[in-house]
């Protein structure tokens, strides 16, 4: 963007290079494997808690998971709150 604000530039880079698929998330192999297994088996728990220090991929993982769930919403069992 045309802003010279350093924070705006960092945000743009973070959005540009954010992974779009669970398999592209780096450093969270255990969490990704578990989520992929739940998605494959269609056995998602009622609540998923993502925790950890800043910069570990919590928001990225949540965004990818939400996109996957929204694409399966045609079954009628997903409602955004």
N, C-alpha and C. Protein backbone atom coordinates (compact mmCIF):
# COMPACT_ATOMS: atom_id res chain seq x y z
N UNK A 1 0.82 -1.17 0.00
CA UNK A 1 0.00 0.00 0.00
C UNK A 1 0.88 1.24 0.00
N UNK A 2 0.25 2.38 -0.14
CA UNK A 2 1.01 3.62 -0.23
C UNK A 2 1.41 4.16 1.13
N UNK A 3 0.96 3.57 2.20
CA UNK A 3 1.32 4.03 3.53
C UNK A 3 2.78 3.69 3.82
N UNK A 4 3.45 4.61 4.48
CA UNK A 4 4.84 4.35 4.87
C UNK A 4 4.93 3.80 6.27
N UNK A 5 3.81 3.57 6.88
CA UNK A 5 3.75 3.02 8.23
C UNK A 5 4.33 1.61 8.21
N UNK A 6 5.34 1.36 9.02
CA UNK A 6 5.98 0.05 9.06
C UNK A 6 5.04 -1.07 9.40
N UNK A 7 4.08 -0.80 10.28
CA UNK A 7 3.14 -1.83 10.68
C UNK A 7 2.24 -2.23 9.52
N UNK A 8 1.81 -1.30 8.70
CA UNK A 8 0.96 -1.62 7.55
C UNK A 8 1.71 -2.52 6.57
N UNK A 9 2.99 -2.28 6.38
CA UNK A 9 3.80 -3.10 5.48
C UNK A 9 3.92 -4.51 6.03
N UNK A 10 4.15 -4.66 7.32
CA UNK A 10 4.25 -5.98 7.94
C UNK A 10 2.93 -6.73 7.82
N UNK A 11 1.83 -6.05 8.04
CA UNK A 11 0.52 -6.68 7.92
C UNK A 11 0.30 -7.17 6.49
N UNK A 12 0.64 -6.34 5.51
CA UNK A 12 0.47 -6.75 4.12
C UNK A 12 1.30 -7.98 3.79
N UNK A 13 2.54 -8.03 4.28
CA UNK A 13 3.38 -9.20 4.04
C UNK A 13 2.82 -10.43 4.73
N UNK A 14 2.32 -10.26 5.95
CA UNK A 14 1.75 -11.39 6.68
C UNK A 14 0.54 -11.95 5.94
N UNK A 15 -0.29 -11.10 5.42
CA UNK A 15 -1.46 -11.57 4.68
C UNK A 15 -1.07 -12.18 3.34
N UNK A 16 -0.07 -11.61 2.71
CA UNK A 16 0.37 -12.11 1.40
C UNK A 16 0.94 -13.52 1.49
N UNK A 17 1.72 -13.78 2.51
CA UNK A 17 2.42 -15.06 2.62
C UNK A 17 1.78 -16.03 3.61
N UNK A 18 0.60 -15.72 4.10
CA UNK A 18 -0.09 -16.62 5.03
C UNK A 18 -0.47 -17.90 4.29
N UNK A 19 -0.22 -19.06 4.88
CA UNK A 19 -0.58 -20.34 4.22
C UNK A 19 -2.08 -20.41 3.96
N UNK A 20 -2.44 -21.06 2.88
CA UNK A 20 -3.85 -21.22 2.52
C UNK A 20 -4.37 -22.62 2.82
N UNK A 21 -3.46 -23.56 3.04
CA UNK A 21 -3.84 -24.95 3.32
C UNK A 21 -3.20 -25.40 4.62
N UNK A 22 -3.84 -26.34 5.31
CA UNK A 22 -3.28 -26.83 6.57
C UNK A 22 -1.91 -27.46 6.37
N UNK A 23 -1.70 -28.15 5.27
CA UNK A 23 -0.41 -28.80 5.05
C UNK A 23 0.73 -27.80 4.86
N UNK A 24 0.39 -26.53 4.58
CA UNK A 24 1.41 -25.50 4.39
C UNK A 24 1.81 -24.81 5.70
N UNK A 25 1.12 -25.08 6.80
CA UNK A 25 1.44 -24.47 8.09
C UNK A 25 2.73 -25.10 8.60
N UNK A 26 3.70 -24.27 8.95
CA UNK A 26 5.03 -24.73 9.35
C UNK A 26 5.14 -24.75 10.87
N UNK A 27 5.74 -25.80 11.41
CA UNK A 27 6.04 -25.87 12.83
C UNK A 27 4.90 -26.34 13.71
N UNK A 28 3.80 -26.75 13.14
CA UNK A 28 2.65 -27.21 13.92
C UNK A 28 2.18 -28.58 13.43
N UNK A 29 3.13 -29.47 13.19
CA UNK A 29 2.79 -30.75 12.57
C UNK A 29 1.82 -31.58 13.40
N UNK A 30 1.97 -31.58 14.71
CA UNK A 30 1.08 -32.38 15.56
C UNK A 30 -0.34 -31.85 15.48
N UNK A 31 -0.50 -30.55 15.60
CA UNK A 31 -1.84 -29.95 15.54
C UNK A 31 -2.46 -30.14 14.16
N UNK A 32 -1.68 -29.95 13.12
CA UNK A 32 -2.19 -30.09 11.75
C UNK A 32 -2.60 -31.53 11.49
N UNK A 33 -1.79 -32.49 11.91
CA UNK A 33 -2.15 -33.91 11.71
C UNK A 33 -3.45 -34.24 12.42
N UNK A 34 -3.59 -33.75 13.64
CA UNK A 34 -4.82 -34.00 14.40
C UNK A 34 -6.04 -33.39 13.73
N UNK A 35 -5.92 -32.14 13.28
CA UNK A 35 -7.05 -31.50 12.61
C UNK A 35 -7.39 -32.18 11.30
N UNK A 36 -6.38 -32.55 10.53
CA UNK A 36 -6.64 -33.25 9.27
C UNK A 36 -7.32 -34.59 9.51
N UNK A 37 -6.89 -35.30 10.56
CA UNK A 37 -7.52 -36.58 10.89
C UNK A 37 -9.00 -36.38 11.26
N UNK A 38 -9.27 -35.36 12.06
CA UNK A 38 -10.66 -35.07 12.45
C UNK A 38 -11.49 -34.68 11.23
N UNK A 39 -10.93 -33.88 10.33
CA UNK A 39 -11.67 -33.49 9.14
C UNK A 39 -11.93 -34.68 8.23
N UNK A 40 -10.92 -35.55 8.09
CA UNK A 40 -11.07 -36.73 7.23
C UNK A 40 -12.13 -37.68 7.78
N UNK A 41 -12.09 -37.91 9.09
CA UNK A 41 -13.03 -38.83 9.72
C UNK A 41 -14.39 -38.21 10.02
N UNK A 42 -14.49 -36.89 9.80
CA UNK A 42 -15.72 -36.14 10.09
C UNK A 42 -16.11 -36.29 11.57
N UNK A 43 -15.11 -36.16 12.43
CA UNK A 43 -15.33 -36.30 13.87
C UNK A 43 -14.79 -35.08 14.63
N UNK A 44 -15.14 -33.89 14.19
CA UNK A 44 -14.65 -32.69 14.85
C UNK A 44 -15.23 -32.56 16.25
N UNK A 45 -14.40 -32.17 17.20
CA UNK A 45 -14.92 -31.94 18.55
C UNK A 45 -15.78 -30.68 18.58
N UNK A 46 -16.54 -30.50 19.63
CA UNK A 46 -17.41 -29.33 19.75
C UNK A 46 -16.60 -28.05 19.89
N UNK A 47 -15.43 -28.13 20.51
CA UNK A 47 -14.60 -26.96 20.74
C UNK A 47 -13.16 -27.29 20.39
N UNK A 48 -12.51 -26.34 19.74
CA UNK A 48 -11.08 -26.47 19.43
C UNK A 48 -10.38 -25.26 20.02
N UNK A 49 -9.44 -25.49 20.89
CA UNK A 49 -8.70 -24.41 21.54
C UNK A 49 -7.29 -24.36 20.98
N UNK A 50 -6.96 -23.26 20.34
CA UNK A 50 -5.62 -23.04 19.81
C UNK A 50 -4.91 -22.08 20.74
N UNK A 51 -3.78 -22.48 21.27
CA UNK A 51 -3.07 -21.61 22.21
C UNK A 51 -1.58 -21.65 21.92
N UNK A 52 -0.88 -20.66 22.40
CA UNK A 52 0.55 -20.58 22.22
C UNK A 52 1.00 -19.14 22.14
N UNK A 53 2.29 -18.92 22.11
CA UNK A 53 2.80 -17.56 22.04
C UNK A 53 2.50 -16.90 20.69
N UNK A 54 2.71 -15.62 20.65
CA UNK A 54 2.48 -14.83 19.45
C UNK A 54 3.34 -15.35 18.29
N UNK A 55 2.72 -15.44 17.12
CA UNK A 55 3.46 -15.83 15.93
C UNK A 55 3.60 -17.32 15.70
N UNK A 56 2.78 -18.14 16.35
CA UNK A 56 2.91 -19.59 16.18
C UNK A 56 1.88 -20.19 15.23
N UNK A 57 1.03 -19.37 14.63
CA UNK A 57 0.09 -19.87 13.62
C UNK A 57 -1.31 -20.15 14.11
N UNK A 58 -1.68 -19.61 15.26
CA UNK A 58 -3.03 -19.87 15.78
C UNK A 58 -4.10 -19.29 14.86
N UNK A 59 -3.95 -18.03 14.49
CA UNK A 59 -4.95 -17.38 13.64
C UNK A 59 -4.96 -18.00 12.25
N UNK A 60 -3.80 -18.30 11.73
CA UNK A 60 -3.71 -18.92 10.40
C UNK A 60 -4.42 -20.26 10.40
N UNK A 61 -4.16 -21.07 11.42
CA UNK A 61 -4.80 -22.37 11.52
C UNK A 61 -6.31 -22.23 11.66
N UNK A 62 -6.75 -21.28 12.46
CA UNK A 62 -8.19 -21.06 12.65
C UNK A 62 -8.85 -20.61 11.36
N UNK A 63 -8.19 -19.74 10.60
CA UNK A 63 -8.75 -19.26 9.32
C UNK A 63 -8.88 -20.41 8.33
N UNK A 64 -7.86 -21.25 8.24
CA UNK A 64 -7.90 -22.38 7.31
C UNK A 64 -9.00 -23.36 7.73
N UNK A 65 -9.07 -23.64 9.02
CA UNK A 65 -10.10 -24.56 9.52
C UNK A 65 -11.50 -24.00 9.27
N UNK A 66 -11.68 -22.71 9.50
CA UNK A 66 -12.99 -22.09 9.24
C UNK A 66 -13.37 -22.18 7.77
N UNK A 67 -12.39 -21.98 6.89
CA UNK A 67 -12.67 -22.09 5.46
C UNK A 67 -13.07 -23.52 5.09
N UNK A 68 -12.37 -24.50 5.67
CA UNK A 68 -12.72 -25.91 5.40
C UNK A 68 -14.13 -26.22 5.90
N UNK A 69 -14.45 -25.74 7.10
CA UNK A 69 -15.77 -26.01 7.67
C UNK A 69 -16.86 -25.30 6.88
N UNK A 70 -16.57 -24.09 6.43
CA UNK A 70 -17.56 -23.36 5.65
C UNK A 70 -17.83 -24.04 4.32
N UNK A 71 -16.81 -24.66 3.73
CA UNK A 71 -17.02 -25.35 2.47
C UNK A 71 -17.86 -26.61 2.67
N UNK A 72 -17.84 -27.16 3.87
CA UNK A 72 -18.67 -28.33 4.15
C UNK A 72 -20.00 -27.94 4.77
N UNK A 73 -20.30 -26.64 4.82
CA UNK A 73 -21.54 -26.17 5.44
C UNK A 73 -22.76 -26.53 4.62
N UNK A 74 -22.57 -26.96 3.40
CA UNK A 74 -23.71 -27.33 2.56
C UNK A 74 -24.49 -28.49 3.17
N UNK A 75 -23.85 -29.23 4.08
CA UNK A 75 -24.56 -30.32 4.77
C UNK A 75 -25.58 -29.78 5.75
N UNK A 76 -25.44 -28.50 6.12
CA UNK A 76 -26.41 -27.89 7.01
C UNK A 76 -26.09 -28.04 8.48
N UNK A 77 -24.89 -28.52 8.83
CA UNK A 77 -24.58 -28.73 10.24
C UNK A 77 -23.57 -27.72 10.77
N UNK A 78 -23.38 -26.60 10.09
CA UNK A 78 -22.44 -25.58 10.54
C UNK A 78 -23.12 -24.24 10.53
N UNK A 79 -23.03 -23.54 11.64
CA UNK A 79 -23.64 -22.22 11.74
C UNK A 79 -22.67 -21.25 12.36
N UNK A 80 -22.42 -20.14 11.68
CA UNK A 80 -21.50 -19.14 12.20
C UNK A 80 -22.21 -18.33 13.28
N UNK A 81 -21.49 -18.12 14.36
CA UNK A 81 -22.07 -17.36 15.49
C UNK A 81 -21.60 -15.93 15.42
